[in-house]
């Protein structure tokens, strides 16, 4: 993997990365480097900021575009790409002792089985250096999505580093041996 330049993390960077990858997956933006850079710059400006050259000092359209391109090229993600759907609503409801509890969320991306059931849930994370406690929170979030949807596995994708953390559901799914 290429060495990644020091990056200033933050909420705005995460919002732009999520929006960029969503727009690539929906076909709104092509994966061409120039198109990604142009769209990243537009998104930076839409937040009232100006793109900078050095990602250690602010939001760099070049760095954001490169991060999305690297993420989409990761072997695990590239393998899922043909069926990867962006921003997929997930929900569940269950009753316990006469009290119904509803849970809802939006999976960053997922794939579906041939029967139309969720198969793999993908959660994009833009953290530059996530703390262990933060990673535990991310695992719990993805596991909740797996449990809500019945998907067989999840992937936490740390976009900045390119690391992928696999997550399994709380209970084995129908296709797994008990």
N, C-alpha and C. Protein backbone atom coordinates (compact mmCIF):
# COMPACT_ATOMS: atom_id res chain seq x y z
N UNK A 1 0.83 -1.18 0.00
CA UNK A 1 0.00 0.00 0.00
C UNK A 1 0.87 1.25 0.00
N UNK A 2 0.35 2.29 -0.62
CA UNK A 2 1.07 3.56 -0.62
C UNK A 2 1.08 4.14 0.79
N UNK A 3 2.13 4.88 1.10
CA UNK A 3 2.16 5.58 2.37
C UNK A 3 1.14 6.71 2.31
N UNK A 4 0.39 6.86 3.40
CA UNK A 4 -0.63 7.90 3.45
C UNK A 4 -0.04 9.11 4.15
N UNK A 5 -0.22 10.28 3.54
CA UNK A 5 0.27 11.52 4.13
C UNK A 5 -0.47 11.79 5.43
N UNK A 6 0.18 12.48 6.37
CA UNK A 6 -0.54 12.85 7.60
C UNK A 6 -1.83 13.59 7.24
N UNK A 7 -2.90 13.21 7.92
CA UNK A 7 -4.23 13.74 7.59
C UNK A 7 -4.86 14.34 8.83
N UNK A 8 -5.49 15.49 8.65
CA UNK A 8 -6.28 16.08 9.72
C UNK A 8 -7.67 15.46 9.65
N UNK A 9 -8.03 14.69 10.64
CA UNK A 9 -9.33 14.06 10.66
C UNK A 9 -10.40 15.04 11.11
N UNK A 10 -11.61 14.54 11.22
CA UNK A 10 -12.70 15.37 11.72
C UNK A 10 -14.02 15.03 11.08
N UNK A 11 -15.06 15.60 11.65
CA UNK A 11 -16.42 15.32 11.21
C UNK A 11 -16.64 15.69 9.74
N UNK A 12 -16.15 16.86 9.33
CA UNK A 12 -16.36 17.30 7.95
C UNK A 12 -15.68 16.36 6.96
N UNK A 13 -14.47 15.92 7.29
CA UNK A 13 -13.77 14.96 6.42
C UNK A 13 -14.61 13.69 6.28
N UNK A 14 -15.14 13.21 7.40
CA UNK A 14 -15.96 12.01 7.36
C UNK A 14 -17.21 12.17 6.53
N UNK A 15 -17.88 13.32 6.65
CA UNK A 15 -19.07 13.58 5.86
C UNK A 15 -18.76 13.57 4.36
N UNK A 16 -17.65 14.19 4.00
CA UNK A 16 -17.29 14.25 2.57
C UNK A 16 -16.92 12.87 2.05
N UNK A 17 -16.14 12.12 2.82
CA UNK A 17 -15.77 10.76 2.37
C UNK A 17 -17.01 9.90 2.18
N UNK A 18 -17.93 9.95 3.14
CA UNK A 18 -19.16 9.16 3.01
C UNK A 18 -19.97 9.58 1.78
N UNK A 19 -20.08 10.88 1.57
CA UNK A 19 -20.85 11.37 0.42
C UNK A 19 -20.18 10.98 -0.89
N UNK A 20 -18.86 11.10 -0.95
CA UNK A 20 -18.14 10.73 -2.17
C UNK A 20 -18.34 9.26 -2.51
N UNK A 21 -18.15 8.40 -1.52
CA UNK A 21 -18.25 6.96 -1.80
C UNK A 21 -19.69 6.59 -2.15
N UNK A 22 -20.66 7.25 -1.49
CA UNK A 22 -22.06 7.02 -1.83
C UNK A 22 -22.32 7.39 -3.28
N UNK A 23 -21.82 8.54 -3.71
CA UNK A 23 -22.07 9.00 -5.07
C UNK A 23 -21.37 8.13 -6.11
N UNK A 24 -20.24 7.55 -5.78
CA UNK A 24 -19.60 6.61 -6.70
C UNK A 24 -20.46 5.35 -6.82
N UNK A 25 -20.92 4.84 -5.67
CA UNK A 25 -21.71 3.60 -5.69
C UNK A 25 -23.05 3.78 -6.40
N UNK A 26 -23.63 4.98 -6.33
CA UNK A 26 -24.92 5.22 -7.00
C UNK A 26 -24.74 5.63 -8.45
N UNK A 27 -23.49 5.86 -8.87
CA UNK A 27 -23.22 6.25 -10.25
C UNK A 27 -23.34 7.75 -10.49
N UNK A 28 -23.52 8.54 -9.45
CA UNK A 28 -23.62 9.99 -9.61
C UNK A 28 -22.27 10.61 -9.96
N UNK A 29 -21.19 9.97 -9.52
CA UNK A 29 -19.83 10.44 -9.79
C UNK A 29 -19.03 9.24 -10.27
N UNK A 30 -18.19 9.45 -11.27
CA UNK A 30 -17.34 8.36 -11.73
C UNK A 30 -16.13 8.23 -10.83
N UNK A 31 -15.47 7.10 -10.94
CA UNK A 31 -14.26 6.86 -10.14
C UNK A 31 -13.03 7.52 -10.73
N UNK A 32 -13.17 8.18 -11.84
CA UNK A 32 -12.02 8.85 -12.45
C UNK A 32 -11.45 9.86 -11.46
N UNK A 33 -10.13 9.88 -11.36
CA UNK A 33 -9.46 10.74 -10.37
C UNK A 33 -9.91 12.20 -10.47
N UNK A 34 -9.94 12.73 -11.69
CA UNK A 34 -10.32 14.14 -11.86
C UNK A 34 -11.74 14.39 -11.39
N UNK A 35 -12.65 13.47 -11.66
CA UNK A 35 -14.05 13.63 -11.25
C UNK A 35 -14.16 13.59 -9.72
N UNK A 36 -13.44 12.68 -9.10
CA UNK A 36 -13.46 12.59 -7.64
C UNK A 36 -12.89 13.85 -6.99
N UNK A 37 -11.79 14.34 -7.54
CA UNK A 37 -11.17 15.56 -6.99
C UNK A 37 -12.12 16.75 -7.13
N UNK A 38 -12.72 16.88 -8.31
CA UNK A 38 -13.64 17.99 -8.55
C UNK A 38 -14.83 17.93 -7.60
N UNK A 39 -15.40 16.73 -7.44
CA UNK A 39 -16.57 16.59 -6.56
C UNK A 39 -16.17 16.83 -5.11
N UNK A 40 -15.00 16.34 -4.69
CA UNK A 40 -14.53 16.58 -3.32
C UNK A 40 -14.38 18.07 -3.07
N UNK A 41 -13.82 18.79 -4.02
CA UNK A 41 -13.66 20.24 -3.87
C UNK A 41 -15.02 20.93 -3.76
N UNK A 42 -15.99 20.49 -4.56
CA UNK A 42 -17.35 21.04 -4.48
C UNK A 42 -17.95 20.80 -3.09
N UNK A 43 -17.76 19.59 -2.56
CA UNK A 43 -18.31 19.25 -1.24
C UNK A 43 -17.62 20.07 -0.14
N UNK A 44 -16.32 20.28 -0.27
CA UNK A 44 -15.60 21.11 0.71
C UNK A 44 -16.18 22.52 0.71
N UNK A 45 -16.35 23.07 -0.48
CA UNK A 45 -16.89 24.42 -0.59
C UNK A 45 -18.34 24.50 -0.08
N UNK A 46 -19.11 23.42 -0.26
CA UNK A 46 -20.49 23.42 0.21
C UNK A 46 -20.57 23.47 1.74
N UNK A 47 -19.48 23.11 2.39
CA UNK A 47 -19.41 23.20 3.85
C UNK A 47 -18.87 24.55 4.31
N UNK A 48 -18.68 25.46 3.35
CA UNK A 48 -18.18 26.78 3.68
C UNK A 48 -16.68 26.84 3.91
N UNK A 49 -15.99 25.83 3.42
CA UNK A 49 -14.54 25.76 3.59
C UNK A 49 -13.87 25.88 2.22
N UNK A 50 -12.56 26.06 2.24
CA UNK A 50 -11.78 26.10 1.00
C UNK A 50 -10.85 24.90 0.98
N UNK A 51 -10.74 24.22 -0.17
CA UNK A 51 -9.80 23.10 -0.26
C UNK A 51 -8.37 23.58 -0.03
N UNK A 52 -7.57 22.73 0.62
CA UNK A 52 -6.16 23.03 0.85
C UNK A 52 -5.32 21.95 0.17
N UNK A 53 -4.06 22.26 -0.05
CA UNK A 53 -3.17 21.29 -0.69
C UNK A 53 -2.68 20.25 0.32
N UNK A 54 -2.40 20.67 1.54
CA UNK A 54 -1.81 19.79 2.56
C UNK A 54 -2.91 19.22 3.46
N UNK A 55 -3.15 17.90 3.40
CA UNK A 55 -4.23 17.30 4.19
C UNK A 55 -3.98 17.37 5.70
N UNK A 56 -2.76 17.69 6.10
CA UNK A 56 -2.48 17.84 7.53
C UNK A 56 -3.01 19.17 8.07
N UNK A 57 -3.37 20.08 7.15
CA UNK A 57 -3.82 21.40 7.59
C UNK A 57 -5.30 21.65 7.33
N UNK A 58 -5.98 20.74 6.69
CA UNK A 58 -7.40 20.94 6.41
C UNK A 58 -7.92 19.94 5.40
N UNK A 59 -8.99 20.30 4.74
CA UNK A 59 -9.65 19.41 3.79
C UNK A 59 -9.00 19.53 2.41
N UNK A 60 -8.37 18.44 1.99
CA UNK A 60 -7.69 18.39 0.70
C UNK A 60 -8.51 17.55 -0.26
N UNK A 61 -8.96 18.15 -1.36
CA UNK A 61 -9.74 17.41 -2.35
C UNK A 61 -8.93 16.25 -2.92
N UNK A 62 -7.63 16.46 -3.13
CA UNK A 62 -6.78 15.38 -3.66
C UNK A 62 -6.73 14.20 -2.69
N UNK A 63 -6.54 14.49 -1.40
CA UNK A 63 -6.45 13.42 -0.40
C UNK A 63 -7.78 12.69 -0.27
N UNK A 64 -8.88 13.43 -0.24
CA UNK A 64 -10.20 12.81 -0.12
C UNK A 64 -10.49 11.89 -1.30
N UNK A 65 -10.19 12.37 -2.51
CA UNK A 65 -10.41 11.56 -3.71
C UNK A 65 -9.53 10.31 -3.68
N UNK A 66 -8.27 10.47 -3.28
CA UNK A 66 -7.35 9.32 -3.21
C UNK A 66 -7.81 8.31 -2.17
N UNK A 67 -8.35 8.80 -1.05
CA UNK A 67 -8.83 7.91 0.01
C UNK A 67 -10.00 7.06 -0.50
N UNK A 68 -10.92 7.69 -1.21
CA UNK A 68 -12.06 6.95 -1.77
C UNK A 68 -11.58 5.93 -2.80
N UNK A 69 -10.68 6.34 -3.67
CA UNK A 69 -10.16 5.42 -4.71
C UNK A 69 -9.46 4.22 -4.06
N UNK A 70 -8.63 4.48 -3.04
CA UNK A 70 -7.93 3.38 -2.34
C UNK A 70 -8.93 2.44 -1.69
N UNK A 71 -9.96 3.01 -1.07
CA UNK A 71 -10.97 2.20 -0.39
C UNK A 71 -11.70 1.30 -1.36
N UNK A 72 -12.12 1.85 -2.49
CA UNK A 72 -12.84 1.05 -3.48
C UNK A 72 -11.97 -0.01 -4.13
N UNK A 73 -10.65 0.19 -4.09
CA UNK A 73 -9.72 -0.78 -4.68
C UNK A 73 -9.33 -1.88 -3.71
N UNK A 74 -9.70 -1.76 -2.42
CA UNK A 74 -9.37 -2.82 -1.48
C UNK A 74 -9.97 -4.14 -1.98
N UNK A 75 -9.21 -5.23 -1.96
CA UNK A 75 -9.72 -6.49 -2.53
C UNK A 75 -11.10 -6.91 -2.00
N UNK A 76 -11.33 -6.80 -0.70
CA UNK A 76 -12.63 -7.20 -0.15
C UNK A 76 -13.76 -6.32 -0.69
N UNK A 77 -13.49 -5.05 -0.88
CA UNK A 77 -14.52 -4.13 -1.38
C UNK A 77 -14.68 -4.32 -2.89
N UNK A 78 -13.59 -4.45 -3.60
CA UNK A 78 -13.66 -4.66 -5.06
C UNK A 78 -14.49 -5.91 -5.37
N UNK A 79 -14.36 -6.94 -4.56
CA UNK A 79 -15.11 -8.18 -4.78
C UNK A 79 -16.61 -7.97 -4.59
N UNK A 80 -16.98 -7.05 -3.71
CA UNK A 80 -18.40 -6.78 -3.43
C UNK A 80 -19.02 -5.75 -4.37
N UNK A 81 -18.18 -4.98 -5.05
CA UNK A 81 -18.63 -3.83 -5.83
C UNK A 81 -19.81 -4.08 -6.77
N UNK A 82 -19.84 -5.19 -7.52
CA UNK A 82 -20.96 -5.34 -8.45
C UNK A 82 -22.35 -5.28 -7.80
N UNK A 83 -22.45 -5.68 -6.53
CA UNK A 83 -23.75 -5.68 -5.87
C UNK A 83 -23.84 -4.74 -4.68
N UNK A 84 -22.88 -3.86 -4.51
CA UNK A 84 -22.84 -2.99 -3.34
C UNK A 84 -23.82 -1.83 -3.49
N UNK A 85 -24.77 -1.74 -2.57
CA UNK A 85 -25.79 -0.69 -2.56
C UNK A 85 -25.46 0.31 -1.47
N UNK A 86 -25.58 1.60 -1.77
CA UNK A 86 -25.23 2.65 -0.81
C UNK A 86 -26.43 3.07 0.02
N UNK A 87 -26.14 3.47 1.27
CA UNK A 87 -27.12 4.11 2.15
C UNK A 87 -28.43 3.32 2.21
N UNK A 88 -28.36 2.13 2.78
CA UNK A 88 -29.50 1.22 2.81
C UNK A 88 -30.18 1.27 4.18
N UNK A 89 -31.47 1.63 4.25
CA UNK A 89 -32.14 1.68 5.55
C UNK A 89 -32.31 0.27 6.13
N UNK A 90 -32.05 0.14 7.42
CA UNK A 90 -32.23 -1.14 8.12
C UNK A 90 -33.09 -0.88 9.35
N UNK A 91 -33.91 -1.84 9.70
CA UNK A 91 -34.78 -1.66 10.85
C UNK A 91 -35.23 -3.01 11.37
N UNK A 92 -35.68 -3.00 12.62
CA UNK A 92 -36.27 -4.20 13.21
C UNK A 92 -37.24 -3.76 14.29
N UNK A 93 -38.14 -4.66 14.63
CA UNK A 93 -39.08 -4.43 15.72
C UNK A 93 -39.30 -5.75 16.42
N UNK A 94 -39.38 -5.69 17.73
CA UNK A 94 -39.70 -6.90 18.49
C UNK A 94 -40.45 -6.51 19.76
N UNK A 95 -41.24 -7.45 20.24
CA UNK A 95 -42.03 -7.20 21.45
C UNK A 95 -41.52 -8.08 22.57
N UNK A 96 -41.36 -7.48 23.73
CA UNK A 96 -40.97 -8.20 24.94
C UNK A 96 -41.91 -7.77 26.05
N UNK A 97 -42.59 -8.74 26.65
CA UNK A 97 -43.54 -8.44 27.73
C UNK A 97 -44.54 -7.36 27.32
N UNK A 98 -45.02 -7.45 26.08
CA UNK A 98 -46.02 -6.53 25.60
C UNK A 98 -45.51 -5.15 25.21
N UNK A 99 -44.21 -4.95 25.26
CA UNK A 99 -43.63 -3.66 24.89
C UNK A 99 -42.88 -3.84 23.58
N UNK A 100 -43.28 -3.07 22.58
CA UNK A 100 -42.62 -3.17 21.28
C UNK A 100 -41.46 -2.18 21.22
N UNK A 101 -40.34 -2.68 20.72
CA UNK A 101 -39.16 -1.84 20.56
C UNK A 101 -38.79 -1.84 19.08
N UNK A 102 -38.64 -0.64 18.53
CA UNK A 102 -38.23 -0.50 17.13
C UNK A 102 -36.82 0.09 17.09
N UNK A 103 -36.02 -0.42 16.19
CA UNK A 103 -34.66 0.07 15.99
C UNK A 103 -34.49 0.34 14.51
N UNK A 104 -33.88 1.48 14.19
CA UNK A 104 -33.68 1.83 12.79
C UNK A 104 -32.29 2.44 12.62
N UNK A 105 -31.78 2.31 11.43
CA UNK A 105 -30.49 2.90 11.10
C UNK A 105 -30.31 2.91 9.60
N UNK A 106 -29.16 3.38 9.18
CA UNK A 106 -28.83 3.36 7.76
C UNK A 106 -27.45 2.75 7.62
N UNK A 107 -27.40 1.61 6.94
CA UNK A 107 -26.11 0.97 6.66
C UNK A 107 -25.44 1.76 5.55
N UNK A 108 -24.15 2.03 5.71
CA UNK A 108 -23.44 2.79 4.68
C UNK A 108 -23.53 2.09 3.33
N UNK A 109 -23.41 0.76 3.33
CA UNK A 109 -23.53 -0.01 2.09
C UNK A 109 -23.81 -1.46 2.47
N UNK A 110 -24.42 -2.18 1.57
CA UNK A 110 -24.61 -3.62 1.77
C UNK A 110 -24.84 -4.32 0.44
N UNK A 111 -24.72 -5.64 0.50
CA UNK A 111 -25.03 -6.47 -0.66
C UNK A 111 -26.24 -7.31 -0.31
N UNK A 112 -26.92 -7.80 -1.34
CA UNK A 112 -28.08 -8.65 -1.16
C UNK A 112 -27.81 -10.04 -1.73
N UNK A 113 -28.47 -11.04 -1.14
CA UNK A 113 -28.40 -12.39 -1.69
C UNK A 113 -29.25 -12.45 -2.94
N UNK A 114 -29.21 -13.57 -3.65
CA UNK A 114 -30.04 -13.76 -4.84
C UNK A 114 -31.52 -13.67 -4.49
N UNK A 115 -31.86 -14.00 -3.23
CA UNK A 115 -33.25 -13.94 -2.78
C UNK A 115 -33.64 -12.54 -2.30
N UNK A 116 -32.70 -11.59 -2.30
CA UNK A 116 -33.01 -10.23 -1.91
C UNK A 116 -32.81 -9.92 -0.43
N UNK A 117 -32.20 -10.84 0.31
CA UNK A 117 -31.92 -10.60 1.73
C UNK A 117 -30.53 -9.98 1.88
N UNK A 118 -30.32 -9.13 2.89
CA UNK A 118 -28.98 -8.58 3.11
C UNK A 118 -27.96 -9.68 3.36
N UNK A 119 -26.79 -9.55 2.76
CA UNK A 119 -25.73 -10.55 2.90
C UNK A 119 -24.53 -9.99 3.66
N UNK A 120 -24.00 -8.87 3.18
CA UNK A 120 -22.82 -8.26 3.79
C UNK A 120 -23.13 -6.79 4.04
N UNK A 121 -22.91 -6.34 5.27
CA UNK A 121 -23.09 -4.94 5.65
C UNK A 121 -21.71 -4.30 5.72
N UNK A 122 -21.56 -3.14 5.07
CA UNK A 122 -20.29 -2.42 5.07
C UNK A 122 -20.48 -1.08 5.77
N UNK A 123 -19.58 -0.78 6.70
CA UNK A 123 -19.63 0.49 7.41
C UNK A 123 -18.32 1.23 7.17
N UNK A 124 -18.41 2.36 6.47
CA UNK A 124 -17.22 3.18 6.18
C UNK A 124 -16.89 4.01 7.41
N UNK A 125 -15.63 4.02 7.80
CA UNK A 125 -15.17 4.85 8.92
C UNK A 125 -13.99 5.68 8.45
N UNK A 126 -14.05 6.97 8.76
CA UNK A 126 -13.02 7.89 8.26
C UNK A 126 -11.96 8.23 9.30
N UNK A 127 -12.06 7.67 10.50
CA UNK A 127 -11.12 7.98 11.57
C UNK A 127 -9.67 7.83 11.08
N UNK A 128 -8.83 8.74 11.52
CA UNK A 128 -7.41 8.66 11.17
C UNK A 128 -6.74 7.62 12.06
N UNK A 129 -6.95 7.70 13.37
CA UNK A 129 -6.41 6.71 14.32
C UNK A 129 -7.46 6.42 15.38
N UNK A 130 -8.38 5.48 15.10
CA UNK A 130 -9.45 5.19 16.06
C UNK A 130 -8.91 4.51 17.32
N UNK A 131 -9.44 4.90 18.46
CA UNK A 131 -9.08 4.29 19.74
C UNK A 131 -9.73 2.91 19.85
N UNK A 132 -9.15 2.00 20.65
CA UNK A 132 -9.75 0.67 20.82
C UNK A 132 -11.22 0.73 21.26
N UNK A 133 -11.57 1.63 22.16
CA UNK A 133 -12.96 1.76 22.60
C UNK A 133 -13.88 2.18 21.47
N UNK A 134 -13.36 3.02 20.58
CA UNK A 134 -14.13 3.45 19.42
C UNK A 134 -14.38 2.27 18.50
N UNK A 135 -13.36 1.43 18.31
CA UNK A 135 -13.51 0.24 17.46
C UNK A 135 -14.54 -0.71 18.06
N UNK A 136 -14.57 -0.84 19.40
CA UNK A 136 -15.57 -1.69 20.05
C UNK A 136 -16.98 -1.15 19.76
N UNK A 137 -17.13 0.17 19.81
CA UNK A 137 -18.42 0.79 19.50
C UNK A 137 -18.82 0.49 18.05
N UNK A 138 -17.87 0.60 17.13
CA UNK A 138 -18.15 0.32 15.72
C UNK A 138 -18.57 -1.14 15.53
N UNK A 139 -17.88 -2.06 16.22
CA UNK A 139 -18.25 -3.48 16.12
C UNK A 139 -19.69 -3.69 16.60
N UNK A 140 -20.05 -3.07 17.72
CA UNK A 140 -21.40 -3.21 18.26
C UNK A 140 -22.43 -2.65 17.28
N UNK A 141 -22.11 -1.52 16.65
CA UNK A 141 -23.02 -0.91 15.68
C UNK A 141 -23.25 -1.84 14.49
N UNK A 142 -22.18 -2.37 13.93
CA UNK A 142 -22.32 -3.26 12.77
C UNK A 142 -23.00 -4.56 13.18
N UNK A 143 -22.67 -5.09 14.35
CA UNK A 143 -23.34 -6.31 14.83
C UNK A 143 -24.85 -6.06 14.97
N UNK A 144 -25.24 -4.89 15.44
CA UNK A 144 -26.68 -4.57 15.54
C UNK A 144 -27.32 -4.59 14.16
N UNK A 145 -26.63 -4.02 13.15
CA UNK A 145 -27.15 -4.04 11.79
C UNK A 145 -27.27 -5.48 11.28
N UNK A 146 -26.29 -6.31 11.59
CA UNK A 146 -26.34 -7.72 11.17
C UNK A 146 -27.52 -8.42 11.83
N UNK A 147 -27.69 -8.18 13.12
CA UNK A 147 -28.79 -8.83 13.84
C UNK A 147 -30.15 -8.34 13.34
N UNK A 148 -30.25 -7.04 12.98
CA UNK A 148 -31.51 -6.50 12.48
C UNK A 148 -31.86 -7.06 11.11
N UNK A 149 -30.85 -7.26 10.27
CA UNK A 149 -31.12 -7.63 8.88
C UNK A 149 -31.00 -9.12 8.61
N UNK A 150 -30.33 -9.86 9.49
CA UNK A 150 -30.06 -11.26 9.23
C UNK A 150 -28.87 -11.46 8.29
N UNK A 151 -28.13 -10.40 8.02
CA UNK A 151 -26.94 -10.52 7.15
C UNK A 151 -25.92 -11.43 7.82
N UNK A 152 -25.13 -12.11 7.00
CA UNK A 152 -24.19 -13.10 7.52
C UNK A 152 -22.87 -12.54 8.00
N UNK A 153 -22.49 -11.35 7.49
CA UNK A 153 -21.23 -10.76 7.95
C UNK A 153 -21.22 -9.27 7.70
N UNK A 154 -20.32 -8.61 8.44
CA UNK A 154 -20.16 -7.17 8.28
C UNK A 154 -18.69 -6.83 8.13
N UNK A 155 -18.44 -5.68 7.56
CA UNK A 155 -17.08 -5.18 7.39
C UNK A 155 -17.03 -3.74 7.85
N UNK A 156 -16.15 -3.46 8.80
CA UNK A 156 -15.84 -2.09 9.17
C UNK A 156 -14.63 -1.72 8.34
N UNK A 157 -14.78 -0.71 7.50
CA UNK A 157 -13.70 -0.31 6.60
C UNK A 157 -13.11 1.00 7.09
N UNK A 158 -11.90 0.93 7.59
CA UNK A 158 -11.19 2.12 8.04
C UNK A 158 -10.54 2.73 6.81
N UNK A 159 -11.23 3.70 6.23
CA UNK A 159 -10.87 4.24 4.92
C UNK A 159 -9.47 4.86 4.90
N UNK A 160 -9.08 5.54 5.95
CA UNK A 160 -7.80 6.23 5.95
C UNK A 160 -6.64 5.25 5.91
N UNK A 161 -6.71 4.20 6.72
CA UNK A 161 -5.61 3.22 6.78
C UNK A 161 -5.79 2.08 5.79
N UNK A 162 -7.02 1.83 5.35
CA UNK A 162 -7.28 0.71 4.46
C UNK A 162 -7.50 -0.60 5.20
N UNK A 163 -7.55 -0.55 6.53
CA UNK A 163 -7.79 -1.76 7.31
C UNK A 163 -9.27 -2.13 7.25
N UNK A 164 -9.53 -3.42 7.27
CA UNK A 164 -10.90 -3.92 7.27
C UNK A 164 -11.05 -4.85 8.47
N UNK A 165 -12.09 -4.60 9.27
CA UNK A 165 -12.36 -5.39 10.46
C UNK A 165 -13.63 -6.19 10.21
N UNK A 166 -13.52 -7.53 10.16
CA UNK A 166 -14.73 -8.35 9.95
C UNK A 166 -15.57 -8.42 11.23
N UNK A 167 -16.88 -8.49 11.06
CA UNK A 167 -17.82 -8.58 12.18
C UNK A 167 -18.82 -9.68 11.85
N UNK A 168 -19.11 -10.52 12.84
CA UNK A 168 -20.12 -11.57 12.66
C UNK A 168 -21.35 -11.24 13.50
N UNK A 169 -22.51 -11.76 13.11
CA UNK A 169 -23.72 -11.48 13.89
C UNK A 169 -23.66 -12.15 15.27
N UNK A 170 -24.55 -11.72 16.15
CA UNK A 170 -24.62 -12.30 17.49
C UNK A 170 -24.95 -13.78 17.41
N UNK A 171 -25.93 -14.12 16.58
CA UNK A 171 -26.36 -15.51 16.40
C UNK A 171 -26.00 -15.94 14.99
N UNK A 172 -25.65 -17.23 14.82
CA UNK A 172 -25.37 -17.70 13.45
C UNK A 172 -26.59 -17.51 12.56
N UNK A 173 -26.37 -17.17 11.28
CA UNK A 173 -27.46 -17.00 10.34
C UNK A 173 -27.87 -18.36 9.82
N UNK A 174 -28.98 -18.38 9.08
CA UNK A 174 -29.54 -19.64 8.56
C UNK A 174 -28.51 -20.45 7.77
N UNK A 175 -27.65 -19.78 7.02
CA UNK A 175 -26.69 -20.48 6.16
C UNK A 175 -25.49 -21.03 6.90
N UNK A 176 -25.30 -20.65 8.17
CA UNK A 176 -24.13 -21.12 8.92
C UNK A 176 -24.50 -22.34 9.73
N UNK A 177 -23.51 -23.19 9.94
CA UNK A 177 -23.70 -24.37 10.79
C UNK A 177 -23.79 -23.93 12.23
N UNK A 178 -24.68 -24.54 12.96
CA UNK A 178 -24.86 -24.15 14.38
C UNK A 178 -23.81 -24.80 15.25
